[in-house]
């Protein structure tokens, strides 16, 4: 499953609830919340609180849409204080390597163990397009840097890291419909750089995921790198079309759009579809779990996760 060779010192039983569930072969369901534009996080915590004990872990987005929100590190700390296991997202867009190293040290100091490394949306798509992106390091370079900090207990400069430095490293990918010759170059690069798990972009096509997972098993990848497939309770056909047009890598079949188009209650139908897809994916060998995202329909998260009833069950 997760490779802990080459000097890794992570505890054999895992260093977080997410890590333990992945190591034990349990079906994982993660969710996602966005920090507010606020200095008072009470409402943010209250919004996330229903996910406690429901989702295996909860992503905290980092400047999603290239827009400013309260620090993802601070928001993740608040979740942890309230009994919710966070997955801290960090983007390459906003920080150079010094700041990234500092935030990783800070995360561990605060008891945050799960980190998802992302490239980040370009500033030009946000509400302050004049902002200058950093991109000092690519995602694979950040993963490799964090992996080496974890295994060597040193900064890239050689400075010793005092205290424990245990992290579970994640990366993002898109689901592909593979040909017999298809090779997942990006996935292989992230695995080689030190990724311990993968979360994908939205894919609401269980048949495509089945073909994708079968190819990853054939290549020996899914056995050692857990894949969590992105899904969503889509609230309307309009939202589905927007996602397909604006979010690269998103897969939403025409049949799903048509169901939403003709539904008497599109929001209810969107939840039903998501539950169906989650249950289908839980039966697919090579799929370690799902990542449920609902930025415009947050209230549906608990309903679809509990409705699917697959969290913590043995994987296919």
C-alpha atoms as a PDB file:
ATOM      1  CA  UNK A   1       0.000   0.000   0.000  1.00  0.00           C
ATOM      2  CA  UNK A   2       1.788   3.170   1.168  1.00  0.00           C
ATOM      3  CA  UNK A   3       5.546   2.839   0.741  1.00  0.00           C
ATOM      4  CA  UNK A   4       7.381   3.730   3.945  1.00  0.00           C
ATOM      5  CA  UNK A   5      10.812   2.582   2.839  1.00  0.00           C
ATOM      6  CA  UNK A   6      13.946   4.662   2.255  1.00  0.00           C
ATOM      7  CA  UNK A   7      14.396   5.789   5.817  1.00  0.00           C
ATOM      8  CA  UNK A   8      10.832   6.813   6.512  1.00  0.00           C
ATOM      9  CA  UNK A   9      10.110   6.867  10.247  1.00  0.00           C
ATOM     10  CA  UNK A  10       6.325   7.234  10.221  1.00  0.00           C
ATOM     11  CA  UNK A  11       4.797   5.036  12.865  1.00  0.00           C
ATOM     12  CA  UNK A  12       3.788   1.662  11.445  1.00  0.00           C
ATOM     13  CA  UNK A  13       0.222   2.116  12.637  1.00  0.00           C
ATOM     14  CA  UNK A  14      -0.106   5.493  10.893  1.00  0.00           C
ATOM     15  CA  UNK A  15       0.202   9.080  12.017  1.00  0.00           C
ATOM     16  CA  UNK A  16      -3.357  10.296  11.389  1.00  0.00           C
ATOM     17  CA  UNK A  17      -6.857   8.880  11.141  1.00  0.00           C
ATOM     18  CA  UNK A  18      -6.658   9.199   7.363  1.00  0.00           C
ATOM     19  CA  UNK A  19      -3.317   7.388   7.305  1.00  0.00           C
ATOM     20  CA  UNK A  20      -4.605   4.592   9.527  1.00  0.00           C
ATOM     21  CA  UNK A  21      -7.742   4.086   7.436  1.00  0.00           C
ATOM     22  CA  UNK A  22      -5.701   3.909   4.236  1.00  0.00           C
ATOM     23  CA  UNK A  23      -3.200   1.499   5.752  1.00  0.00           C
ATOM     24  CA  UNK A  24      -5.953  -0.786   7.038  1.00  0.00           C
ATOM     25  CA  UNK A  25      -7.613  -1.024   3.642  1.00  0.00           C
ATOM     26  CA  UNK A  26     -10.763   0.830   4.693  1.00  0.00           C
ATOM     27  CA  UNK A  27     -12.888   2.808   2.276  1.00  0.00           C
ATOM     28  CA  UNK A  28     -12.155   6.462   2.932  1.00  0.00           C
ATOM     29  CA  UNK A  29     -14.494   9.409   2.411  1.00  0.00           C
ATOM     30  CA  UNK A  30     -13.022  12.897   2.634  1.00  0.00           C
ATOM     31  CA  UNK A  31     -14.908  16.164   2.310  1.00  0.00           C
ATOM     32  CA  UNK A  32     -13.902  19.763   1.700  1.00  0.00           C
ATOM     33  CA  UNK A  33     -14.581  23.165   3.260  1.00  0.00           C
ATOM     34  CA  UNK A  34     -13.379  26.650   2.355  1.00  0.00           C
ATOM     35  CA  UNK A  35     -12.178  29.111   5.018  1.00  0.00           C
ATOM     36  CA  UNK A  36     -14.130  32.359   5.265  1.00  0.00           C
ATOM     37  CA  UNK A  37     -13.122  35.928   4.606  1.00  0.00           C
ATOM     38  CA  UNK A  38     -13.394  36.643   8.309  1.00  0.00           C
ATOM     39  CA  UNK A  39     -11.410  36.914  11.521  1.00  0.00           C
ATOM     40  CA  UNK A  40     -14.183  35.147  13.420  1.00  0.00           C
ATOM     41  CA  UNK A  41     -14.132  31.434  12.611  1.00  0.00           C
ATOM     42  CA  UNK A  42     -17.116  30.424  14.753  1.00  0.00           C
ATOM     43  CA  UNK A  43     -19.429  30.142  11.742  1.00  0.00           C
ATOM     44  CA  UNK A  44     -16.794  28.219   9.781  1.00  0.00           C
ATOM     45  CA  UNK A  45     -16.382  25.702  12.601  1.00  0.00           C
ATOM     46  CA  UNK A  46     -20.159  25.389  12.999  1.00  0.00           C
ATOM     47  CA  UNK A  47     -20.495  24.687   9.265  1.00  0.00           C
ATOM     48  CA  UNK A  48     -17.832  21.988   9.414  1.00  0.00           C
ATOM     49  CA  UNK A  49     -18.946  20.468  12.732  1.00  0.00           C
ATOM     50  CA  UNK A  50     -21.559  18.085  11.238  1.00  0.00           C
ATOM     51  CA  UNK A  51     -18.720  16.335   9.384  1.00  0.00           C
ATOM     52  CA  UNK A  52     -17.072  15.307  12.664  1.00  0.00           C
ATOM     53  CA  UNK A  53     -17.110  11.516  12.826  1.00  0.00           C
ATOM     54  CA  UNK A  54     -18.830  11.362   9.420  1.00  0.00           C
ATOM     55  CA  UNK A  55     -15.962  12.077   7.028  1.00  0.00           C
ATOM     56  CA  UNK A  56     -12.595  10.401   7.521  1.00  0.00           C
ATOM     57  CA  UNK A  57     -10.893  13.797   7.102  1.00  0.00           C
ATOM     58  CA  UNK A  58     -11.786  17.252   5.784  1.00  0.00           C
ATOM     59  CA  UNK A  59      -9.797  19.301   3.276  1.00  0.00           C
ATOM     60  CA  UNK A  60      -9.250  22.970   4.041  1.00  0.00           C
ATOM     61  CA  UNK A  61      -8.839  24.826   0.762  1.00  0.00           C
ATOM     62  CA  UNK A  62      -5.991  27.272   0.190  1.00  0.00           C
ATOM     63  CA  UNK A  63      -7.033  30.363  -1.721  1.00  0.00           C
ATOM     64  CA  UNK A  64      -9.465  28.455  -3.933  1.00  0.00           C
ATOM     65  CA  UNK A  65     -10.320  30.301  -7.128  1.00  0.00           C
ATOM     66  CA  UNK A  66      -7.294  32.526  -6.526  1.00  0.00           C
ATOM     67  CA  UNK A  67      -9.272  34.491  -3.941  1.00  0.00           C
ATOM     68  CA  UNK A  68      -8.205  35.496  -0.455  1.00  0.00           C
ATOM     69  CA  UNK A  69      -9.613  33.679   2.556  1.00  0.00           C
ATOM     70  CA  UNK A  70      -8.320  33.300   6.081  1.00  0.00           C
ATOM     71  CA  UNK A  71      -5.132  31.206   6.167  1.00  0.00           C
ATOM     72  CA  UNK A  72      -5.745  27.527   5.455  1.00  0.00           C
ATOM     73  CA  UNK A  73      -3.246  26.682   8.202  1.00  0.00           C
ATOM     74  CA  UNK A  74      -5.231  28.687  10.756  1.00  0.00           C
ATOM     75  CA  UNK A  75      -8.547  27.236   9.585  1.00  0.00           C
ATOM     76  CA  UNK A  76      -7.162  23.680   9.724  1.00  0.00           C
ATOM     77  CA  UNK A  77      -5.970  24.331  13.280  1.00  0.00           C
ATOM     78  CA  UNK A  78      -9.477  25.441  14.277  1.00  0.00           C
ATOM     79  CA  UNK A  79     -10.959  22.255  12.822  1.00  0.00           C
ATOM     80  CA  UNK A  80      -8.492  20.118  14.734  1.00  0.00           C
ATOM     81  CA  UNK A  81      -9.289  21.979  17.964  1.00  0.00           C
ATOM     82  CA  UNK A  82     -12.916  20.952  17.455  1.00  0.00           C
ATOM     83  CA  UNK A  83     -12.260  17.275  16.820  1.00  0.00           C
ATOM     84  CA  UNK A  84     -12.263  17.309  13.009  1.00  0.00           C
ATOM     85  CA  UNK A  85      -9.247  15.822  11.250  1.00  0.00           C
ATOM     86  CA  UNK A  86      -8.032  18.302   8.637  1.00  0.00           C
ATOM     87  CA  UNK A  87      -6.204  17.860   5.365  1.00  0.00           C
ATOM     88  CA  UNK A  88      -4.243  21.068   4.888  1.00  0.00           C
ATOM     89  CA  UNK A  89      -4.082  22.243   1.301  1.00  0.00           C
ATOM     90  CA  UNK A  90      -0.956  24.183   0.315  1.00  0.00           C
ATOM     91  CA  UNK A  91      -0.477  25.742  -3.105  1.00  0.00           C
ATOM     92  CA  UNK A  92       2.688  26.462  -5.031  1.00  0.00           C
ATOM     93  CA  UNK A  93       1.134  29.692  -6.296  1.00  0.00           C
ATOM     94  CA  UNK A  94       1.548  31.799  -3.172  1.00  0.00           C
ATOM     95  CA  UNK A  95       4.752  30.690  -1.433  1.00  0.00           C
ATOM     96  CA  UNK A  96       8.405  30.243  -2.172  1.00  0.00           C
ATOM     97  CA  UNK A  97      10.287  27.277  -0.742  1.00  0.00           C
ATOM     98  CA  UNK A  98      11.159  29.094   2.470  1.00  0.00           C
ATOM     99  CA  UNK A  99       7.522  29.870   3.232  1.00  0.00           C
ATOM    100  CA  UNK A 100       6.438  26.363   2.285  1.00  0.00           C
ATOM    101  CA  UNK A 101       8.993  24.833   4.655  1.00  0.00           C
ATOM    102  CA  UNK A 102       7.857  27.191   7.416  1.00  0.00           C
ATOM    103  CA  UNK A 103       4.201  26.278   6.914  1.00  0.00           C
ATOM    104  CA  UNK A 104       4.982  22.548   6.927  1.00  0.00           C
ATOM    105  CA  UNK A 105       6.876  22.953  10.204  1.00  0.00           C
ATOM    106  CA  UNK A 106       4.002  25.001  11.587  1.00  0.00           C
ATOM    107  CA  UNK A 107       1.435  22.412  10.545  1.00  0.00           C
ATOM    108  CA  UNK A 108       3.244  19.614  12.372  1.00  0.00           C
ATOM    109  CA  UNK A 109       3.716  21.851  15.427  1.00  0.00           C
ATOM    110  CA  UNK A 110      -0.069  22.354  15.489  1.00  0.00           C
ATOM    111  CA  UNK A 111      -0.748  18.620  15.227  1.00  0.00           C
ATOM    112  CA  UNK A 112      -1.820  18.722  11.582  1.00  0.00           C
ATOM    113  CA  UNK A 113      -0.566  15.611   9.826  1.00  0.00           C
ATOM    114  CA  UNK A 114      -2.287  15.522   6.418  1.00  0.00           C
ATOM    115  CA  UNK A 115      -1.130  17.854   3.632  1.00  0.00           C
ATOM    116  CA  UNK A 116      -2.389  18.067   0.049  1.00  0.00           C
ATOM    117  CA  UNK A 117       0.028  19.803  -2.315  1.00  0.00           C
ATOM    118  CA  UNK A 118      -1.582  21.688  -5.210  1.00  0.00           C
ATOM    119  CA  UNK A 119      -0.387  23.996  -7.943  1.00  0.00           C
ATOM    120  CA  UNK A 120      -3.106  26.555  -7.258  1.00  0.00           C
ATOM    121  CA  UNK A 121      -5.363  28.520  -9.597  1.00  0.00           C
ATOM    122  CA  UNK A 122      -3.746  31.288 -11.624  1.00  0.00           C
ATOM    123  CA  UNK A 123      -4.278  34.757 -10.087  1.00  0.00           C
ATOM    124  CA  UNK A 124      -5.784  35.998 -13.352  1.00  0.00           C
ATOM    125  CA  UNK A 125      -8.910  33.909 -12.701  1.00  0.00           C
ATOM    126  CA  UNK A 126      -9.431  35.457  -9.267  1.00  0.00           C
ATOM    127  CA  UNK A 127     -10.706  38.804  -8.033  1.00  0.00           C
ATOM    128  CA  UNK A 128      -7.231  40.384  -7.801  1.00  0.00           C
ATOM    129  CA  UNK A 129      -5.749  39.442 -11.190  1.00  0.00           C
ATOM    130  CA  UNK A 130      -2.839  41.839 -10.755  1.00  0.00           C
ATOM    131  CA  UNK A 131      -1.391  39.601  -8.022  1.00  0.00           C
ATOM    132  CA  UNK A 132       1.962  38.040  -8.913  1.00  0.00           C
ATOM    133  CA  UNK A 133       2.171  34.235  -8.642  1.00  0.00           C
ATOM    134  CA  UNK A 134       5.233  32.646  -7.047  1.00  0.00           C
ATOM    135  CA  UNK A 135       5.537  29.077  -8.392  1.00  0.00           C
ATOM    136  CA  UNK A 136       9.052  28.776  -6.969  1.00  0.00           C
ATOM    137  CA  UNK A 137       8.566  24.992  -6.895  1.00  0.00           C
ATOM    138  CA  UNK A 138       6.302  22.633  -8.829  1.00  0.00           C
ATOM    139  CA  UNK A 139       4.026  20.239  -6.965  1.00  0.00           C
ATOM    140  CA  UNK A 140       6.375  17.287  -7.410  1.00  0.00           C
ATOM    141  CA  UNK A 141       9.254  19.368  -6.058  1.00  0.00           C
ATOM    142  CA  UNK A 142       7.241  20.345  -2.984  1.00  0.00           C
ATOM    143  CA  UNK A 143       6.274  16.715  -2.411  1.00  0.00           C
ATOM    144  CA  UNK A 144       9.903  15.606  -2.706  1.00  0.00           C
ATOM    145  CA  UNK A 145      11.019  18.400  -0.397  1.00  0.00           C
ATOM    146  CA  UNK A 146       8.442  17.441   2.256  1.00  0.00           C
ATOM    147  CA  UNK A 147       9.280  13.750   1.862  1.00  0.00           C
ATOM    148  CA  UNK A 148      12.982  14.465   2.428  1.00  0.00           C
ATOM    149  CA  UNK A 149      12.230  16.702   5.416  1.00  0.00           C
ATOM    150  CA  UNK A 150      10.188  13.824   6.828  1.00  0.00           C
ATOM    151  CA  UNK A 151      12.776  11.122   6.245  1.00  0.00           C
ATOM    152  CA  UNK A 152      15.945  13.091   6.972  1.00  0.00           C
ATOM    153  CA  UNK A 153      14.621  15.447   9.669  1.00  0.00           C
ATOM    154  CA  UNK A 154      16.472  18.253   7.959  1.00  0.00           C
ATOM    155  CA  UNK A 155      15.642  21.291   5.859  1.00  0.00           C
ATOM    156  CA  UNK A 156      16.991  21.326   2.304  1.00  0.00           C
ATOM    157  CA  UNK A 157      19.721  23.631   3.620  1.00  0.00           C
ATOM    158  CA  UNK A 158      20.900  20.862   5.941  1.00  0.00           C
ATOM    159  CA  UNK A 159      19.573  22.481   9.122  1.00  0.00           C
ATOM    160  CA  UNK A 160      18.288  19.881  11.569  1.00  0.00           C
ATOM    161  CA  UNK A 161      14.567  19.744  12.299  1.00  0.00           C
ATOM    162  CA  UNK A 162      14.102  19.297  16.019  1.00  0.00           C
ATOM    163  CA  UNK A 163      11.076  17.336  17.173  1.00  0.00           C
ATOM    164  CA  UNK A 164       8.849  14.959  15.273  1.00  0.00           C
ATOM    165  CA  UNK A 165       8.048  15.670  11.639  1.00  0.00           C
ATOM    166  CA  UNK A 166       5.420  13.152  10.544  1.00  0.00           C
ATOM    167  CA  UNK A 167       3.285  14.060   7.538  1.00  0.00           C
ATOM    168  CA  UNK A 168       0.918  12.228   5.202  1.00  0.00           C
ATOM    169  CA  UNK A 169       1.429  13.740   1.757  1.00  0.00           C
ATOM    170  CA  UNK A 170      -1.275  14.011  -0.871  1.00  0.00           C
ATOM    171  CA  UNK A 171      -1.497  15.237  -4.444  1.00  0.00           C
ATOM    172  CA  UNK A 172      -4.195  15.851  -7.034  1.00  0.00           C
ATOM    173  CA  UNK A 173      -4.856  14.191 -10.383  1.00  0.00           C
ATOM    174  CA  UNK A 174      -7.603  13.850 -12.977  1.00  0.00           C
ATOM    175  CA  UNK A 175      -9.325  10.609 -13.930  1.00  0.00           C
ATOM    176  CA  UNK A 176      -8.519   9.461 -17.457  1.00  0.00           C
ATOM    177  CA  UNK A 177     -10.278   7.018 -19.751  1.00  0.00           C
ATOM    178  CA  UNK A 178      -7.243   4.883 -20.550  1.00  0.00           C
ATOM    179  CA  UNK A 179      -6.247   3.286 -23.804  1.00  0.00           C
ATOM    180  CA  UNK A 180      -4.331  -0.017 -23.603  1.00  0.00           C
ATOM    181  CA  UNK A 181      -1.072   1.915 -24.041  1.00  0.00           C
ATOM    182  CA  UNK A 182      -1.924   4.750 -21.612  1.00  0.00           C
ATOM    183  CA  UNK A 183       0.688   5.598 -18.990  1.00  0.00           C
ATOM    184  CA  UNK A 184      -0.211   7.905 -16.060  1.00  0.00           C
ATOM    185  CA  UNK A 185       2.892  10.086 -16.287  1.00  0.00           C
ATOM    186  CA  UNK A 186       1.695  12.704 -13.797  1.00  0.00           C
ATOM    187  CA  UNK A 187       0.561  10.116 -11.281  1.00  0.00           C
ATOM    188  CA  UNK A 188       3.835   8.227 -11.524  1.00  0.00           C
ATOM    189  CA  UNK A 189       5.817  11.436 -11.032  1.00  0.00           C
ATOM    190  CA  UNK A 190       3.843  12.336  -7.914  1.00  0.00           C
ATOM    191  CA  UNK A 191       4.193   8.820  -6.520  1.00  0.00           C
ATOM    192  CA  UNK A 192       7.944   8.957  -7.104  1.00  0.00           C
ATOM    193  CA  UNK A 193       8.108  12.361  -5.418  1.00  0.00           C
ATOM    194  CA  UNK A 194       6.561  11.005  -2.233  1.00  0.00           C
ATOM    195  CA  UNK A 195       2.755  11.222  -2.483  1.00  0.00           C
ATOM    196  CA  UNK A 196       1.008   8.921  -0.004  1.00  0.00           C
ATOM    197  CA  UNK A 197      -2.488   9.400  -1.462  1.00  0.00           C
ATOM    198  CA  UNK A 198      -4.244  11.019  -4.419  1.00  0.00           C
ATOM    199  CA  UNK A 199      -7.462  13.008  -4.631  1.00  0.00           C
ATOM    200  CA  UNK A 200      -8.901  13.457  -8.122  1.00  0.00           C
ATOM    201  CA  UNK A 201     -10.934  16.108  -9.881  1.00  0.00           C
ATOM    202  CA  UNK A 202     -14.677  15.478 -10.204  1.00  0.00           C
ATOM    203  CA  UNK A 203     -15.565  12.251 -12.020  1.00  0.00           C
ATOM    204  CA  UNK A 204     -19.210  11.234 -11.897  1.00  0.00           C
ATOM    205  CA  UNK A 205     -18.757   8.415 -14.408  1.00  0.00           C
ATOM    206  CA  UNK A 206     -18.350   5.149 -12.473  1.00  0.00           C
ATOM    207  CA  UNK A 207     -17.699   3.163 -15.672  1.00  0.00           C
ATOM    208  CA  UNK A 208     -14.763   5.409 -16.572  1.00  0.00           C
ATOM    209  CA  UNK A 209     -13.393   5.119 -13.036  1.00  0.00           C
ATOM    210  CA  UNK A 210     -13.646   1.328 -13.316  1.00  0.00           C
ATOM    211  CA  UNK A 211     -11.516   1.372 -16.478  1.00  0.00           C
ATOM    212  CA  UNK A 212      -9.093   3.870 -14.941  1.00  0.00           C
ATOM    213  CA  UNK A 213      -8.674   1.851 -11.729  1.00  0.00           C
ATOM    214  CA  UNK A 214      -8.246  -1.388 -13.671  1.00  0.00           C
ATOM    215  CA  UNK A 215      -5.393   0.142 -15.635  1.00  0.00           C
ATOM    216  CA  UNK A 216      -3.769   1.463 -12.437  1.00  0.00           C
ATOM    217  CA  UNK A 217      -3.999  -2.013 -10.920  1.00  0.00           C
ATOM    218  CA  UNK A 218      -2.529  -3.504 -14.074  1.00  0.00           C
ATOM    219  CA  UNK A 219       0.414  -1.104 -13.756  1.00  0.00           C
ATOM    220  CA  UNK A 220       0.817  -1.867 -10.046  1.00  0.00           C
ATOM    221  CA  UNK A 221       0.051   1.721  -9.007  1.00  0.00           C
ATOM    222  CA  UNK A 222      -3.284   1.485  -7.191  1.00  0.00           C
ATOM    223  CA  UNK A 223      -1.884  -1.226  -4.894  1.00  0.00           C
ATOM    224  CA  UNK A 224       0.664   1.205  -3.439  1.00  0.00           C
ATOM    225  CA  UNK A 225      -0.908   4.631  -3.964  1.00  0.00           C
ATOM    226  CA  UNK A 226      -4.483   5.057  -2.663  1.00  0.00           C
ATOM    227  CA  UNK A 227      -6.768   6.899  -5.091  1.00  0.00           C
ATOM    228  CA  UNK A 228      -9.717   8.943  -3.787  1.00  0.00           C
ATOM    229  CA  UNK A 229     -12.090   9.875  -6.612  1.00  0.00           C
ATOM    230  CA  UNK A 230     -13.687  13.318  -6.588  1.00  0.00           C
ATOM    231  CA  UNK A 231     -17.490  13.375  -6.592  1.00  0.00           C
ATOM    232  CA  UNK A 232     -20.164  16.004  -5.988  1.00  0.00           C
ATOM    233  CA  UNK A 233     -23.831  16.391  -5.087  1.00  0.00           C
ATOM    234  CA  UNK A 234     -24.587  18.657  -8.050  1.00  0.00           C
ATOM    235  CA  UNK A 235     -27.509  20.989  -7.283  1.00  0.00           C
ATOM    236  CA  UNK A 236     -28.695  21.676 -10.857  1.00  0.00           C
ATOM    237  CA  UNK A 237     -28.114  20.983 -14.528  1.00  0.00           C
ATOM    238  CA  UNK A 238     -26.795  24.517 -14.859  1.00  0.00           C
ATOM    239  CA  UNK A 239     -24.158  23.796 -12.202  1.00  0.00           C
ATOM    240  CA  UNK A 240     -23.212  20.566 -13.968  1.00  0.00           C
ATOM    241  CA  UNK A 241     -22.685  22.381 -17.253  1.00  0.00           C
ATOM    242  CA  UNK A 242     -20.657  25.122 -15.543  1.00  0.00           C
ATOM    243  CA  UNK A 243     -18.426  22.519 -13.900  1.00  0.00           C
ATOM    244  CA  UNK A 244     -17.803  20.749 -17.207  1.00  0.00           C
ATOM    245  CA  UNK A 245     -16.965  24.018 -18.953  1.00  0.00           C
ATOM    246  CA  UNK A 246     -14.935  25.780 -16.258  1.00  0.00           C
ATOM    247  CA  UNK A 247     -13.184  23.080 -14.211  1.00  0.00           C
ATOM    248  CA  UNK A 248     -10.510  21.284 -16.241  1.00  0.00           C
ATOM    249  CA  UNK A 249     -10.580  17.514 -15.907  1.00  0.00           C
ATOM    250  CA  UNK A 250     -14.185  17.370 -14.701  1.00  0.00           C
ATOM    251  CA  UNK A 251     -16.171  14.370 -15.995  1.00  0.00           C
ATOM    252  CA  UNK A 252     -19.972  14.558 -15.756  1.00  0.00           C
ATOM    253  CA  UNK A 253     -21.878  12.265 -18.175  1.00  0.00           C
ATOM    254  CA  UNK A 254     -24.730  13.665 -20.251  1.00  0.00           C
ATOM    255  CA  UNK A 255     -27.066  11.223 -18.473  1.00  0.00           C
ATOM    256  CA  UNK A 256     -26.370  12.958 -15.159  1.00  0.00           C
ATOM    257  CA  UNK A 257     -27.089  16.387 -16.654  1.00  0.00           C
ATOM    258  CA  UNK A 258     -30.335  15.069 -18.137  1.00  0.00           C
ATOM    259  CA  UNK A 259     -31.467  13.618 -14.813  1.00  0.00           C
ATOM    260  CA  UNK A 260     -30.879  16.964 -13.143  1.00  0.00           C
ATOM    261  CA  UNK A 261     -32.597  18.799 -16.005  1.00  0.00           C
ATOM    262  CA  UNK A 262     -35.782  16.752 -15.697  1.00  0.00           C
ATOM    263  CA  UNK A 263     -35.891  16.354 -11.911  1.00  0.00           C
ATOM    264  CA  UNK A 264     -38.784  17.879  -9.982  1.00  0.00           C
ATOM    265  CA  UNK A 265     -36.289  18.648  -7.199  1.00  0.00           C
ATOM    266  CA  UNK A 266     -32.796  18.994  -8.740  1.00  0.00           C
ATOM    267  CA  UNK A 267     -31.016  19.334  -5.384  1.00  0.00           C
ATOM    268  CA  UNK A 268     -32.547  16.130  -4.082  1.00  0.00           C
ATOM    269  CA  UNK A 269     -31.764  14.393  -7.371  1.00  0.00           C
ATOM    270  CA  UNK A 270     -28.173  15.659  -7.178  1.00  0.00           C
ATOM    271  CA  UNK A 271     -27.784  14.049  -3.765  1.00  0.00           C
ATOM    272  CA  UNK A 272     -29.317  10.796  -5.012  1.00  0.00           C
ATOM    273  CA  UNK A 273     -26.936  10.683  -7.972  1.00  0.00           C
ATOM    274  CA  UNK A 274     -23.935  11.325  -5.746  1.00  0.00           C
ATOM    275  CA  UNK A 275     -24.941   8.551  -3.343  1.00  0.00           C
ATOM    276  CA  UNK A 276     -25.368   6.152  -6.268  1.00  0.00           C
ATOM    277  CA  UNK A 277     -21.929   7.023  -7.660  1.00  0.00           C
ATOM    278  CA  UNK A 278     -20.227   6.683  -4.259  1.00  0.00           C
ATOM    279  CA  UNK A 279     -21.760   3.228  -3.759  1.00  0.00           C
ATOM    280  CA  UNK A 280     -20.692   2.189  -7.252  1.00  0.00           C
ATOM    281  CA  UNK A 281     -17.144   3.397  -6.667  1.00  0.00           C
ATOM    282  CA  UNK A 282     -16.946   1.572  -3.337  1.00  0.00           C
ATOM    283  CA  UNK A 283     -17.323  -1.668  -5.301  1.00  0.00           C
ATOM    284  CA  UNK A 284     -14.501  -0.864  -7.749  1.00  0.00           C
ATOM    285  CA  UNK A 285     -11.179  -2.605  -7.052  1.00  0.00           C
ATOM    286  CA  UNK A 286      -8.369  -0.075  -7.001  1.00  0.00           C
ATOM    287  CA  UNK A 287     -10.484   2.770  -5.618  1.00  0.00           C
ATOM    288  CA  UNK A 288      -9.484   3.601  -2.054  1.00  0.00           C
ATOM    289  CA  UNK A 289     -12.240   6.121  -1.415  1.00  0.00           C
ATOM    290  CA  UNK A 290     -13.980   9.268  -2.583  1.00  0.00           C
ATOM    291  CA  UNK A 291     -13.443  12.962  -2.047  1.00  0.00           C
ATOM    292  CA  UNK A 292     -16.796  14.759  -1.803  1.00  0.00           C
ATOM    293  CA  UNK A 293     -16.756  18.419  -2.850  1.00  0.00           C
ATOM    294  CA  UNK A 294     -19.784  20.704  -2.733  1.00  0.00           C
ATOM    295  CA  UNK A 295     -18.659  24.343  -2.674  1.00  0.00           C
ATOM    296  CA  UNK A 296     -22.130  25.628  -3.636  1.00  0.00           C
ATOM    297  CA  UNK A 297     -24.129  22.915  -1.856  1.00  0.00           C
ATOM    298  CA  UNK A 298     -22.283  22.399   1.420  1.00  0.00           C
ATOM    299  CA  UNK A 299     -25.421  21.365   3.286  1.00  0.00           C
ATOM    300  CA  UNK A 300     -25.557  18.174   1.196  1.00  0.00           C
ATOM    301  CA  UNK A 301     -22.202  16.796   2.362  1.00  0.00           C
ATOM    302  CA  UNK A 302     -23.427  14.957   5.434  1.00  0.00           C
ATOM    303  CA  UNK A 303     -26.517  13.606   3.643  1.00  0.00           C
ATOM    304  CA  UNK A 304     -24.546  12.022   0.803  1.00  0.00           C
ATOM    305  CA  UNK A 305     -21.789  10.628   3.019  1.00  0.00           C
ATOM    306  CA  UNK A 306     -24.197   9.053   5.504  1.00  0.00           C
ATOM    307  CA  UNK A 307     -26.603   8.059   2.724  1.00  0.00           C
ATOM    308  CA  UNK A 308     -23.904   6.127   0.879  1.00  0.00           C
ATOM    309  CA  UNK A 309     -23.023   4.232   4.064  1.00  0.00           C
ATOM    310  CA  UNK A 310     -19.580   3.109   2.916  1.00  0.00           C
ATOM    311  CA  UNK A 311     -17.134   4.944   5.211  1.00  0.00           C
ATOM    312  CA  UNK A 312     -14.757   2.587   6.951  1.00  0.00           C
ATOM    313  CA  UNK A 313     -15.900  -0.556   5.171  1.00  0.00           C
ATOM    314  CA  UNK A 314     -13.291  -2.926   3.704  1.00  0.00           C
ATOM    315  CA  UNK A 315     -12.271  -1.844   0.209  1.00  0.00           C
ATOM    316  CA  UNK A 316     -13.140  -3.897  -2.850  1.00  0.00           C
END
